[in-house]
């Protein structure tokens, strides 16, 4: 298997686009915390992006439950490291949180030391895993591919078959690499600045294949413009229960799941961390929140801080190994 990479546009840094900050605020008095100081949730994406939408839905409910202002502050830039740096270097008093995807544990391996002197394992405290983000392999009806067997046959008949992803070092990129190796096919990686541009080119006929977040692809799957081939997860997603996993279709060792989580600066009191964890778990049980998240292709998770911390450590190690094996860089 030979795996190559070319650029369709500037590669996606692990989080980011530039825009001014917006805030979600409402006057309230803090009863449970003993303070009327706002809690700030920092997001490394611009307003209106999927990450921002999820963060604001959480912030709205958290504010109601705590009776304390909760602000969403957008800090895109420097490949997303501005948001990480800001939170990691903020006072550890429970008033500053980071909402971030699992690219947080991939980026340090793809661009080590770039624009950041923060160690994500040591300088951030995992508070709670908020969602699980399904990835999906998609193509178009014109390709005549409906499952992995047909995709592999197509790739073998056309060495160098290109596939689009959200950028170099993205979870989508990693899925494509692992699939190519497991299936023994030659694919060319075409990185984009985010998933949406890749899907535009896919539906426009410039690409035969893409690895996407389910949230971005779902409307086009439902409209019939995209064909779902497989999900690279241990189990089928409840959002598309008829789409089999790669493992079910004979491709083993390709299991990559995205996620979003909340983090606090190192040294944040355990009581503050547990308080936020408890409230977020309660919020994730709300039917309206579950529906909002599922509409974005996200499955609410929750759980303990300890479980999330272990997931973060495990994935940091695993993705570090994969990045090294394939020689992935940001450029």
C-alpha atoms as a PDB file:
ATOM      1  CA  UNK A   1       0.000   0.000   0.000  1.00  0.00           C
ATOM      2  CA  UNK A   2       1.313   3.368  -1.013  1.00  0.00           C
ATOM      3  CA  UNK A   3      -0.224   6.431   0.658  1.00  0.00           C
ATOM      4  CA  UNK A   4       0.339   9.902  -0.724  1.00  0.00           C
ATOM      5  CA  UNK A   5      -0.888  13.359   0.130  1.00  0.00           C
ATOM      6  CA  UNK A   6      -1.491  16.504  -1.899  1.00  0.00           C
ATOM      7  CA  UNK A   7      -2.996  19.863  -1.060  1.00  0.00           C
ATOM      8  CA  UNK A   8      -6.305  21.149  -2.350  1.00  0.00           C
ATOM      9  CA  UNK A   9      -6.086  24.190  -0.098  1.00  0.00           C
ATOM     10  CA  UNK A  10      -4.224  25.319   2.957  1.00  0.00           C
ATOM     11  CA  UNK A  11      -4.339  22.522   5.555  1.00  0.00           C
ATOM     12  CA  UNK A  12      -6.639  22.754   8.498  1.00  0.00           C
ATOM     13  CA  UNK A  13      -4.833  23.574  11.644  1.00  0.00           C
ATOM     14  CA  UNK A  14      -6.274  21.486  14.412  1.00  0.00           C
ATOM     15  CA  UNK A  15      -8.925  24.060  15.288  1.00  0.00           C
ATOM     16  CA  UNK A  16      -9.674  27.300  13.698  1.00  0.00           C
ATOM     17  CA  UNK A  17     -10.844  30.245  11.685  1.00  0.00           C
ATOM     18  CA  UNK A  18     -10.643  33.922  12.525  1.00  0.00           C
ATOM     19  CA  UNK A  19     -13.610  35.932  13.769  1.00  0.00           C
ATOM     20  CA  UNK A  20     -14.600  38.285  16.570  1.00  0.00           C
ATOM     21  CA  UNK A  21     -15.865  36.919  19.852  1.00  0.00           C
ATOM     22  CA  UNK A  22     -19.527  36.684  20.649  1.00  0.00           C
ATOM     23  CA  UNK A  23     -21.021  36.225  24.072  1.00  0.00           C
ATOM     24  CA  UNK A  24     -24.002  34.452  25.501  1.00  0.00           C
ATOM     25  CA  UNK A  25     -25.095  36.285  28.587  1.00  0.00           C
ATOM     26  CA  UNK A  26     -28.106  36.832  30.755  1.00  0.00           C
ATOM     27  CA  UNK A  27     -28.361  38.627  34.048  1.00  0.00           C
ATOM     28  CA  UNK A  28     -28.599  36.348  37.035  1.00  0.00           C
ATOM     29  CA  UNK A  29     -27.341  36.057  40.539  1.00  0.00           C
ATOM     30  CA  UNK A  30     -25.057  33.162  41.399  1.00  0.00           C
ATOM     31  CA  UNK A  31     -26.605  31.180  44.185  1.00  0.00           C
ATOM     32  CA  UNK A  32     -24.915  27.803  43.996  1.00  0.00           C
ATOM     33  CA  UNK A  33     -21.400  29.154  43.428  1.00  0.00           C
ATOM     34  CA  UNK A  34     -21.453  32.061  45.820  1.00  0.00           C
ATOM     35  CA  UNK A  35     -20.272  34.376  43.039  1.00  0.00           C
ATOM     36  CA  UNK A  36     -21.911  36.443  40.329  1.00  0.00           C
ATOM     37  CA  UNK A  37     -18.770  36.299  38.184  1.00  0.00           C
ATOM     38  CA  UNK A  38     -19.525  34.726  34.811  1.00  0.00           C
ATOM     39  CA  UNK A  39     -18.198  31.371  33.706  1.00  0.00           C
ATOM     40  CA  UNK A  40     -16.511  31.680  30.322  1.00  0.00           C
ATOM     41  CA  UNK A  41     -16.515  28.767  27.887  1.00  0.00           C
ATOM     42  CA  UNK A  42     -13.760  29.347  25.334  1.00  0.00           C
ATOM     43  CA  UNK A  43     -14.222  27.904  21.846  1.00  0.00           C
ATOM     44  CA  UNK A  44     -11.460  27.695  19.240  1.00  0.00           C
ATOM     45  CA  UNK A  45     -13.907  28.058  16.346  1.00  0.00           C
ATOM     46  CA  UNK A  46     -15.642  31.082  14.891  1.00  0.00           C
ATOM     47  CA  UNK A  47     -19.249  31.897  15.799  1.00  0.00           C
ATOM     48  CA  UNK A  48     -21.741  29.820  13.868  1.00  0.00           C
ATOM     49  CA  UNK A  49     -19.488  26.785  13.452  1.00  0.00           C
ATOM     50  CA  UNK A  50     -20.676  23.407  14.690  1.00  0.00           C
ATOM     51  CA  UNK A  51     -18.480  23.534  17.775  1.00  0.00           C
ATOM     52  CA  UNK A  52     -19.796  26.976  18.629  1.00  0.00           C
ATOM     53  CA  UNK A  53     -23.400  25.824  18.239  1.00  0.00           C
ATOM     54  CA  UNK A  54     -22.893  22.940  20.663  1.00  0.00           C
ATOM     55  CA  UNK A  55     -21.095  25.148  23.181  1.00  0.00           C
ATOM     56  CA  UNK A  56     -23.874  27.737  23.164  1.00  0.00           C
ATOM     57  CA  UNK A  57     -26.555  25.112  23.697  1.00  0.00           C
ATOM     58  CA  UNK A  58     -24.634  23.907  26.755  1.00  0.00           C
ATOM     59  CA  UNK A  59     -23.968  27.422  28.015  1.00  0.00           C
ATOM     60  CA  UNK A  60     -27.631  28.370  27.864  1.00  0.00           C
ATOM     61  CA  UNK A  61     -28.689  25.421  30.001  1.00  0.00           C
ATOM     62  CA  UNK A  62     -25.730  25.701  32.366  1.00  0.00           C
ATOM     63  CA  UNK A  63     -26.593  29.328  33.021  1.00  0.00           C
ATOM     64  CA  UNK A  64     -30.158  28.414  33.903  1.00  0.00           C
ATOM     65  CA  UNK A  65     -29.123  25.643  36.248  1.00  0.00           C
ATOM     66  CA  UNK A  66     -26.375  27.569  38.039  1.00  0.00           C
ATOM     67  CA  UNK A  67     -28.263  30.876  38.067  1.00  0.00           C
ATOM     68  CA  UNK A  68     -24.947  32.375  37.063  1.00  0.00           C
ATOM     69  CA  UNK A  69     -23.891  34.080  33.814  1.00  0.00           C
ATOM     70  CA  UNK A  70     -22.224  31.713  31.342  1.00  0.00           C
ATOM     71  CA  UNK A  71     -20.428  33.297  28.386  1.00  0.00           C
ATOM     72  CA  UNK A  72     -19.207  31.666  25.187  1.00  0.00           C
ATOM     73  CA  UNK A  73     -16.037  33.365  23.968  1.00  0.00           C
ATOM     74  CA  UNK A  74     -14.703  32.557  20.510  1.00  0.00           C
ATOM     75  CA  UNK A  75     -10.909  32.572  20.240  1.00  0.00           C
ATOM     76  CA  UNK A  76      -9.947  31.223  16.819  1.00  0.00           C
ATOM     77  CA  UNK A  77      -6.449  31.701  15.475  1.00  0.00           C
ATOM     78  CA  UNK A  78      -2.976  30.152  15.415  1.00  0.00           C
ATOM     79  CA  UNK A  79      -4.413  26.831  14.355  1.00  0.00           C
ATOM     80  CA  UNK A  80      -6.733  26.803  17.345  1.00  0.00           C
ATOM     81  CA  UNK A  81      -3.979  27.057  19.921  1.00  0.00           C
ATOM     82  CA  UNK A  82      -5.100  30.510  21.050  1.00  0.00           C
ATOM     83  CA  UNK A  83      -8.106  28.983  22.789  1.00  0.00           C
ATOM     84  CA  UNK A  84      -6.010  26.271  24.425  1.00  0.00           C
ATOM     85  CA  UNK A  85      -3.364  28.743  25.569  1.00  0.00           C
ATOM     86  CA  UNK A  86      -5.943  31.132  26.963  1.00  0.00           C
ATOM     87  CA  UNK A  87      -7.649  28.506  29.091  1.00  0.00           C
ATOM     88  CA  UNK A  88      -4.493  26.726  30.210  1.00  0.00           C
ATOM     89  CA  UNK A  89      -3.028  30.023  31.438  1.00  0.00           C
ATOM     90  CA  UNK A  90      -6.228  31.349  33.025  1.00  0.00           C
ATOM     91  CA  UNK A  91      -6.732  31.434  36.804  1.00  0.00           C
ATOM     92  CA  UNK A  92      -7.706  27.991  38.054  1.00  0.00           C
ATOM     93  CA  UNK A  93     -10.826  29.199  39.826  1.00  0.00           C
ATOM     94  CA  UNK A  94     -13.545  27.402  37.893  1.00  0.00           C
ATOM     95  CA  UNK A  95     -14.560  30.459  35.884  1.00  0.00           C
ATOM     96  CA  UNK A  96     -12.810  29.543  32.617  1.00  0.00           C
ATOM     97  CA  UNK A  97     -13.467  26.391  30.596  1.00  0.00           C
ATOM     98  CA  UNK A  98     -12.410  25.105  27.180  1.00  0.00           C
ATOM     99  CA  UNK A  99     -14.841  23.367  24.820  1.00  0.00           C
ATOM    100  CA  UNK A 100     -12.832  21.392  22.275  1.00  0.00           C
ATOM    101  CA  UNK A 101     -12.907  18.367  19.944  1.00  0.00           C
ATOM    102  CA  UNK A 102     -10.526  15.416  20.008  1.00  0.00           C
ATOM    103  CA  UNK A 103      -8.168  17.185  17.620  1.00  0.00           C
ATOM    104  CA  UNK A 104      -6.855  18.523  20.924  1.00  0.00           C
ATOM    105  CA  UNK A 105      -4.950  15.248  21.430  1.00  0.00           C
ATOM    106  CA  UNK A 106      -3.858  14.902  17.787  1.00  0.00           C
ATOM    107  CA  UNK A 107      -2.482  18.384  17.103  1.00  0.00           C
ATOM    108  CA  UNK A 108       0.501  18.188  19.487  1.00  0.00           C
ATOM    109  CA  UNK A 109       1.836  15.281  17.397  1.00  0.00           C
ATOM    110  CA  UNK A 110       1.081  16.829  14.013  1.00  0.00           C
ATOM    111  CA  UNK A 111       2.570  20.247  14.797  1.00  0.00           C
ATOM    112  CA  UNK A 112       4.642  19.822  17.963  1.00  0.00           C
ATOM    113  CA  UNK A 113       5.310  23.102  19.734  1.00  0.00           C
ATOM    114  CA  UNK A 114       3.613  25.168  17.051  1.00  0.00           C
ATOM    115  CA  UNK A 115       2.302  28.416  18.529  1.00  0.00           C
ATOM    116  CA  UNK A 116       1.834  26.755  21.911  1.00  0.00           C
ATOM    117  CA  UNK A 117       3.906  25.889  24.951  1.00  0.00           C
ATOM    118  CA  UNK A 118       0.968  24.134  26.600  1.00  0.00           C
ATOM    119  CA  UNK A 119       1.036  20.423  27.391  1.00  0.00           C
ATOM    120  CA  UNK A 120      -2.577  19.338  27.000  1.00  0.00           C
ATOM    121  CA  UNK A 121      -2.161  16.350  29.322  1.00  0.00           C
ATOM    122  CA  UNK A 122      -0.540  18.333  32.122  1.00  0.00           C
ATOM    123  CA  UNK A 123      -1.993  21.825  31.771  1.00  0.00           C
ATOM    124  CA  UNK A 124      -5.667  20.993  31.286  1.00  0.00           C
ATOM    125  CA  UNK A 125      -8.086  19.112  33.531  1.00  0.00           C
ATOM    126  CA  UNK A 126     -10.684  16.986  31.702  1.00  0.00           C
ATOM    127  CA  UNK A 127     -14.102  17.896  33.125  1.00  0.00           C
ATOM    128  CA  UNK A 128     -16.543  15.827  31.076  1.00  0.00           C
ATOM    129  CA  UNK A 129     -16.904  14.205  27.679  1.00  0.00           C
ATOM    130  CA  UNK A 130     -19.884  15.970  26.164  1.00  0.00           C
ATOM    131  CA  UNK A 131     -20.501  14.038  22.951  1.00  0.00           C
ATOM    132  CA  UNK A 132     -19.295  11.295  20.674  1.00  0.00           C
ATOM    133  CA  UNK A 133     -18.850  12.435  17.067  1.00  0.00           C
ATOM    134  CA  UNK A 134     -19.411   9.851  14.361  1.00  0.00           C
ATOM    135  CA  UNK A 135     -17.225   9.928  11.264  1.00  0.00           C
ATOM    136  CA  UNK A 136     -18.442   8.443   8.000  1.00  0.00           C
ATOM    137  CA  UNK A 137     -17.064   7.411   4.617  1.00  0.00           C
ATOM    138  CA  UNK A 138     -19.200   8.898   1.859  1.00  0.00           C
ATOM    139  CA  UNK A 139     -19.310   8.959  -1.904  1.00  0.00           C
ATOM    140  CA  UNK A 140     -21.825  10.009  -4.555  1.00  0.00           C
ATOM    141  CA  UNK A 141     -24.421   7.978  -6.461  1.00  0.00           C
ATOM    142  CA  UNK A 142     -22.452   8.424  -9.697  1.00  0.00           C
ATOM    143  CA  UNK A 143     -19.618   6.263  -8.339  1.00  0.00           C
ATOM    144  CA  UNK A 144     -21.860   3.202  -8.122  1.00  0.00           C
ATOM    145  CA  UNK A 145     -20.463   2.317  -4.694  1.00  0.00           C
ATOM    146  CA  UNK A 146     -22.759   1.210  -1.891  1.00  0.00           C
ATOM    147  CA  UNK A 147     -20.467  -0.699   0.475  1.00  0.00           C
ATOM    148  CA  UNK A 148     -16.823  -1.180   1.410  1.00  0.00           C
ATOM    149  CA  UNK A 149     -16.328  -4.153  -0.890  1.00  0.00           C
ATOM    150  CA  UNK A 150     -17.356  -2.055  -3.878  1.00  0.00           C
ATOM    151  CA  UNK A 151     -15.239   0.858  -2.668  1.00  0.00           C
ATOM    152  CA  UNK A 152     -12.176  -1.345  -2.323  1.00  0.00           C
ATOM    153  CA  UNK A 153     -12.789  -2.783  -5.797  1.00  0.00           C
ATOM    154  CA  UNK A 154     -13.020   0.752  -7.205  1.00  0.00           C
ATOM    155  CA  UNK A 155      -9.825   1.834  -5.435  1.00  0.00           C
ATOM    156  CA  UNK A 156      -7.923  -1.191  -6.735  1.00  0.00           C
ATOM    157  CA  UNK A 157      -9.067  -0.484 -10.273  1.00  0.00           C
ATOM    158  CA  UNK A 158      -7.981   3.153  -9.976  1.00  0.00           C
ATOM    159  CA  UNK A 159      -4.676   3.412  -8.059  1.00  0.00           C
ATOM    160  CA  UNK A 160      -4.264   6.870  -6.584  1.00  0.00           C
ATOM    161  CA  UNK A 161      -7.980   7.344  -5.974  1.00  0.00           C
ATOM    162  CA  UNK A 162      -8.297  10.693  -4.149  1.00  0.00           C
ATOM    163  CA  UNK A 163     -10.273  11.252  -0.980  1.00  0.00           C
ATOM    164  CA  UNK A 164     -11.026  14.512   0.799  1.00  0.00           C
ATOM    165  CA  UNK A 165     -10.803  15.241   4.500  1.00  0.00           C
ATOM    166  CA  UNK A 166     -11.037  18.173   6.888  1.00  0.00           C
ATOM    167  CA  UNK A 167      -7.260  18.637   6.756  1.00  0.00           C
ATOM    168  CA  UNK A 168      -3.887  17.128   7.519  1.00  0.00           C
ATOM    169  CA  UNK A 169      -3.899  15.339  10.854  1.00  0.00           C
ATOM    170  CA  UNK A 170      -7.667  15.474  11.187  1.00  0.00           C
ATOM    171  CA  UNK A 171      -9.489  12.369  12.437  1.00  0.00           C
ATOM    172  CA  UNK A 172     -10.949  12.055   8.931  1.00  0.00           C
ATOM    173  CA  UNK A 173      -7.452  12.008   7.428  1.00  0.00           C
ATOM    174  CA  UNK A 174      -6.431   9.291   9.869  1.00  0.00           C
ATOM    175  CA  UNK A 175      -9.475   7.168   8.971  1.00  0.00           C
ATOM    176  CA  UNK A 176      -8.534   7.334   5.296  1.00  0.00           C
ATOM    177  CA  UNK A 177      -4.964   6.302   5.992  1.00  0.00           C
ATOM    178  CA  UNK A 178      -5.968   3.392   8.197  1.00  0.00           C
ATOM    179  CA  UNK A 179      -8.545   2.190   5.677  1.00  0.00           C
ATOM    180  CA  UNK A 180      -6.030   2.358   2.807  1.00  0.00           C
ATOM    181  CA  UNK A 181      -3.530   0.290   4.767  1.00  0.00           C
ATOM    182  CA  UNK A 182      -6.080  -2.259   5.959  1.00  0.00           C
ATOM    183  CA  UNK A 183      -7.629  -2.685   2.502  1.00  0.00           C
ATOM    184  CA  UNK A 184      -4.311  -2.650   0.663  1.00  0.00           C
ATOM    185  CA  UNK A 185      -5.259   0.169  -1.680  1.00  0.00           C
ATOM    186  CA  UNK A 186      -3.472   3.269  -2.947  1.00  0.00           C
ATOM    187  CA  UNK A 187      -5.278   6.487  -2.039  1.00  0.00           C
ATOM    188  CA  UNK A 188      -4.270  10.122  -2.451  1.00  0.00           C
ATOM    189  CA  UNK A 189      -5.196  12.371   0.463  1.00  0.00           C
ATOM    190  CA  UNK A 190      -6.646  15.759  -0.481  1.00  0.00           C
ATOM    191  CA  UNK A 191      -6.797  17.993   2.622  1.00  0.00           C
ATOM    192  CA  UNK A 192      -9.303  20.834   2.844  1.00  0.00           C
ATOM    193  CA  UNK A 193      -9.850  23.627   5.335  1.00  0.00           C
ATOM    194  CA  UNK A 194     -12.736  21.870   7.019  1.00  0.00           C
ATOM    195  CA  UNK A 195     -15.252  19.218   6.055  1.00  0.00           C
ATOM    196  CA  UNK A 196     -17.769  21.403   4.209  1.00  0.00           C
ATOM    197  CA  UNK A 197     -15.447  22.400   1.323  1.00  0.00           C
ATOM    198  CA  UNK A 198     -14.539  18.745   0.814  1.00  0.00           C
ATOM    199  CA  UNK A 199     -18.207  17.782   0.581  1.00  0.00           C
ATOM    200  CA  UNK A 200     -18.873  20.618  -1.867  1.00  0.00           C
ATOM    201  CA  UNK A 201     -16.183  19.249  -4.187  1.00  0.00           C
ATOM    202  CA  UNK A 202     -17.422  15.697  -3.663  1.00  0.00           C
ATOM    203  CA  UNK A 203     -20.974  16.594  -4.659  1.00  0.00           C
ATOM    204  CA  UNK A 204     -19.626  18.755  -7.484  1.00  0.00           C
ATOM    205  CA  UNK A 205     -17.771  15.835  -9.043  1.00  0.00           C
ATOM    206  CA  UNK A 206     -14.228  16.981  -8.226  1.00  0.00           C
ATOM    207  CA  UNK A 207     -13.745  14.115  -5.746  1.00  0.00           C
ATOM    208  CA  UNK A 208     -14.945  10.501  -5.766  1.00  0.00           C
ATOM    209  CA  UNK A 209     -14.678   9.970  -2.016  1.00  0.00           C
ATOM    210  CA  UNK A 210     -14.540  11.801   1.310  1.00  0.00           C
ATOM    211  CA  UNK A 211     -14.282  11.075   5.010  1.00  0.00           C
ATOM    212  CA  UNK A 212     -16.663  13.399   6.828  1.00  0.00           C
ATOM    213  CA  UNK A 213     -18.173  14.169  10.158  1.00  0.00           C
ATOM    214  CA  UNK A 214     -21.682  12.757  10.271  1.00  0.00           C
ATOM    215  CA  UNK A 215     -23.092  16.154  11.208  1.00  0.00           C
ATOM    216  CA  UNK A 216     -21.830  17.719   7.981  1.00  0.00           C
ATOM    217  CA  UNK A 217     -22.797  14.798   5.756  1.00  0.00           C
ATOM    218  CA  UNK A 218     -26.164  13.852   7.249  1.00  0.00           C
ATOM    219  CA  UNK A 219     -28.383  16.387   5.399  1.00  0.00           C
ATOM    220  CA  UNK A 220     -26.825  15.352   2.076  1.00  0.00           C
ATOM    221  CA  UNK A 221     -27.241  11.664   2.892  1.00  0.00           C
ATOM    222  CA  UNK A 222     -30.887  12.269   3.714  1.00  0.00           C
ATOM    223  CA  UNK A 223     -31.388  14.172   0.457  1.00  0.00           C
ATOM    224  CA  UNK A 224     -29.757  11.388  -1.563  1.00  0.00           C
ATOM    225  CA  UNK A 225     -26.821  13.474  -2.788  1.00  0.00           C
ATOM    226  CA  UNK A 226     -24.329  11.416  -0.785  1.00  0.00           C
ATOM    227  CA  UNK A 227     -24.081   7.658  -0.286  1.00  0.00           C
ATOM    228  CA  UNK A 228     -22.908   6.420   3.141  1.00  0.00           C
ATOM    229  CA  UNK A 229     -20.406   3.561   2.797  1.00  0.00           C
ATOM    230  CA  UNK A 230     -19.375   2.785   6.378  1.00  0.00           C
ATOM    231  CA  UNK A 231     -18.719   4.199   9.827  1.00  0.00           C
ATOM    232  CA  UNK A 232     -15.248   3.648  11.342  1.00  0.00           C
ATOM    233  CA  UNK A 233     -16.525   2.856  14.837  1.00  0.00           C
ATOM    234  CA  UNK A 234     -16.858  -0.286  16.967  1.00  0.00           C
ATOM    235  CA  UNK A 235     -20.656  -0.121  16.681  1.00  0.00           C
ATOM    236  CA  UNK A 236     -23.214   1.337  14.310  1.00  0.00           C
ATOM    237  CA  UNK A 237     -24.338   4.859  15.045  1.00  0.00           C
ATOM    238  CA  UNK A 238     -27.913   5.264  16.290  1.00  0.00           C
ATOM    239  CA  UNK A 239     -28.189   8.253  13.975  1.00  0.00           C
ATOM    240  CA  UNK A 240     -27.811   6.004  10.886  1.00  0.00           C
ATOM    241  CA  UNK A 241     -28.478   2.498  12.175  1.00  0.00           C
ATOM    242  CA  UNK A 242     -28.650   0.949   8.690  1.00  0.00           C
ATOM    243  CA  UNK A 243     -25.056   1.899   7.827  1.00  0.00           C
ATOM    244  CA  UNK A 244     -22.649  -0.905   8.818  1.00  0.00           C
ATOM    245  CA  UNK A 245     -19.241  -0.428  10.380  1.00  0.00           C
ATOM    246  CA  UNK A 246     -15.978  -1.079   8.571  1.00  0.00           C
ATOM    247  CA  UNK A 247     -15.381  -4.073  10.827  1.00  0.00           C
ATOM    248  CA  UNK A 248     -18.723  -5.595   9.857  1.00  0.00           C
ATOM    249  CA  UNK A 249     -17.652  -5.265   6.225  1.00  0.00           C
ATOM    250  CA  UNK A 250     -14.341  -7.039   6.734  1.00  0.00           C
ATOM    251  CA  UNK A 251     -11.987  -4.082   7.286  1.00  0.00           C
ATOM    252  CA  UNK A 252     -10.494  -4.416  10.752  1.00  0.00           C
ATOM    253  CA  UNK A 253      -8.340  -2.069  12.820  1.00  0.00           C
ATOM    254  CA  UNK A 254      -9.964   1.145  11.574  1.00  0.00           C
ATOM    255  CA  UNK A 255     -11.860   2.486  14.555  1.00  0.00           C
ATOM    256  CA  UNK A 256     -11.758   6.247  15.023  1.00  0.00           C
ATOM    257  CA  UNK A 257     -14.418   8.165  16.909  1.00  0.00           C
ATOM    258  CA  UNK A 258     -14.501  11.913  17.396  1.00  0.00           C
ATOM    259  CA  UNK A 259     -15.646  13.649  20.565  1.00  0.00           C
ATOM    260  CA  UNK A 260     -16.174  17.006  22.212  1.00  0.00           C
ATOM    261  CA  UNK A 261     -15.327  17.751  25.811  1.00  0.00           C
ATOM    262  CA  UNK A 262     -14.982  20.411  28.477  1.00  0.00           C
ATOM    263  CA  UNK A 263     -11.650  21.219  30.114  1.00  0.00           C
ATOM    264  CA  UNK A 264     -10.459  23.469  32.936  1.00  0.00           C
ATOM    265  CA  UNK A 265      -7.018  24.904  33.768  1.00  0.00           C
ATOM    266  CA  UNK A 266      -4.709  22.714  35.818  1.00  0.00           C
ATOM    267  CA  UNK A 267      -5.198  23.366  39.519  1.00  0.00           C
ATOM    268  CA  UNK A 268      -8.923  24.057  39.305  1.00  0.00           C
ATOM    269  CA  UNK A 269     -10.413  22.872  42.625  1.00  0.00           C
ATOM    270  CA  UNK A 270     -11.856  19.369  42.409  1.00  0.00           C
ATOM    271  CA  UNK A 271     -15.133  20.599  43.875  1.00  0.00           C
ATOM    272  CA  UNK A 272     -15.532  23.077  41.009  1.00  0.00           C
ATOM    273  CA  UNK A 273     -14.702  20.420  38.419  1.00  0.00           C
ATOM    274  CA  UNK A 274     -17.174  17.952  39.923  1.00  0.00           C
ATOM    275  CA  UNK A 275     -19.849  20.638  40.120  1.00  0.00           C
ATOM    276  CA  UNK A 276     -19.596  21.396  36.409  1.00  0.00           C
ATOM    277  CA  UNK A 277     -19.397  17.690  35.602  1.00  0.00           C
ATOM    278  CA  UNK A 278     -22.598  17.010  37.532  1.00  0.00           C
ATOM    279  CA  UNK A 279     -24.474  19.847  35.850  1.00  0.00           C
ATOM    280  CA  UNK A 280     -23.363  18.890  32.337  1.00  0.00           C
ATOM    281  CA  UNK A 281     -24.404  15.291  32.931  1.00  0.00           C
ATOM    282  CA  UNK A 282     -27.847  16.522  33.938  1.00  0.00           C
ATOM    283  CA  UNK A 283     -28.050  18.790  30.885  1.00  0.00           C
ATOM    284  CA  UNK A 284     -27.161  15.920  28.562  1.00  0.00           C
ATOM    285  CA  UNK A 285     -30.202  14.029  29.846  1.00  0.00           C
ATOM    286  CA  UNK A 286     -32.552  16.774  28.635  1.00  0.00           C
ATOM    287  CA  UNK A 287     -34.601  15.634  25.616  1.00  0.00           C
ATOM    288  CA  UNK A 288     -34.300  18.975  23.816  1.00  0.00           C
ATOM    289  CA  UNK A 289     -30.510  18.992  24.207  1.00  0.00           C
ATOM    290  CA  UNK A 290     -30.312  15.428  22.949  1.00  0.00           C
ATOM    291  CA  UNK A 291     -32.330  16.365  19.884  1.00  0.00           C
ATOM    292  CA  UNK A 292     -30.215  19.464  19.199  1.00  0.00           C
ATOM    293  CA  UNK A 293     -27.009  17.475  19.453  1.00  0.00           C
ATOM    294  CA  UNK A 294     -28.270  14.585  17.336  1.00  0.00           C
ATOM    295  CA  UNK A 295     -29.259  17.083  14.645  1.00  0.00           C
ATOM    296  CA  UNK A 296     -25.562  18.033  14.575  1.00  0.00           C
ATOM    297  CA  UNK A 297     -24.535  14.374  14.258  1.00  0.00           C
ATOM    298  CA  UNK A 298     -23.467  14.207  17.903  1.00  0.00           C
ATOM    299  CA  UNK A 299     -24.403  11.560  20.474  1.00  0.00           C
ATOM    300  CA  UNK A 300     -24.515  12.897  24.078  1.00  0.00           C
ATOM    301  CA  UNK A 301     -22.172  10.992  26.395  1.00  0.00           C
ATOM    302  CA  UNK A 302     -21.421  12.495  29.816  1.00  0.00           C
ATOM    303  CA  UNK A 303     -19.804  10.373  32.502  1.00  0.00           C
ATOM    304  CA  UNK A 304     -17.155  10.927  35.138  1.00  0.00           C
ATOM    305  CA  UNK A 305     -14.085  13.131  35.000  1.00  0.00           C
ATOM    306  CA  UNK A 306     -11.943  10.045  35.568  1.00  0.00           C
ATOM    307  CA  UNK A 307     -13.376   8.198  32.575  1.00  0.00           C
ATOM    308  CA  UNK A 308     -12.838  11.194  30.321  1.00  0.00           C
ATOM    309  CA  UNK A 309      -9.282  11.690  31.583  1.00  0.00           C
ATOM    310  CA  UNK A 310      -8.458   8.067  30.752  1.00  0.00           C
ATOM    311  CA  UNK A 311      -9.952   8.416  27.269  1.00  0.00           C
ATOM    312  CA  UNK A 312      -7.868  11.531  26.680  1.00  0.00           C
ATOM    313  CA  UNK A 313      -4.637   9.810  27.778  1.00  0.00           C
ATOM    314  CA  UNK A 314      -5.358   6.707  25.715  1.00  0.00           C
ATOM    315  CA  UNK A 315      -6.136   8.669  22.565  1.00  0.00           C
ATOM    316  CA  UNK A 316      -3.145  10.967  23.008  1.00  0.00           C
ATOM    317  CA  UNK A 317      -0.920   7.885  22.991  1.00  0.00           C
ATOM    318  CA  UNK A 318      -2.742   6.113  20.175  1.00  0.00           C
ATOM    319  CA  UNK A 319      -2.901   9.073  17.814  1.00  0.00           C
ATOM    320  CA  UNK A 320       0.706   9.921  18.553  1.00  0.00           C
ATOM    321  CA  UNK A 321       1.682   6.448  17.383  1.00  0.00           C
ATOM    322  CA  UNK A 322      -0.456   6.680  14.235  1.00  0.00           C
ATOM    323  CA  UNK A 323       0.889  10.117  13.309  1.00  0.00           C
ATOM    324  CA  UNK A 324       4.438   8.804  13.659  1.00  0.00           C
ATOM    325  CA  UNK A 325       3.719   5.639  11.654  1.00  0.00           C
ATOM    326  CA  UNK A 326       2.371   7.584   8.690  1.00  0.00           C
ATOM    327  CA  UNK A 327       4.659  10.601   9.010  1.00  0.00           C
ATOM    328  CA  UNK A 328       1.784  13.069   9.196  1.00  0.00           C
ATOM    329  CA  UNK A 329       2.709  16.728   9.429  1.00  0.00           C
ATOM    330  CA  UNK A 330       0.688  19.922   9.335  1.00  0.00           C
ATOM    331  CA  UNK A 331       2.274  21.009   6.062  1.00  0.00           C
END
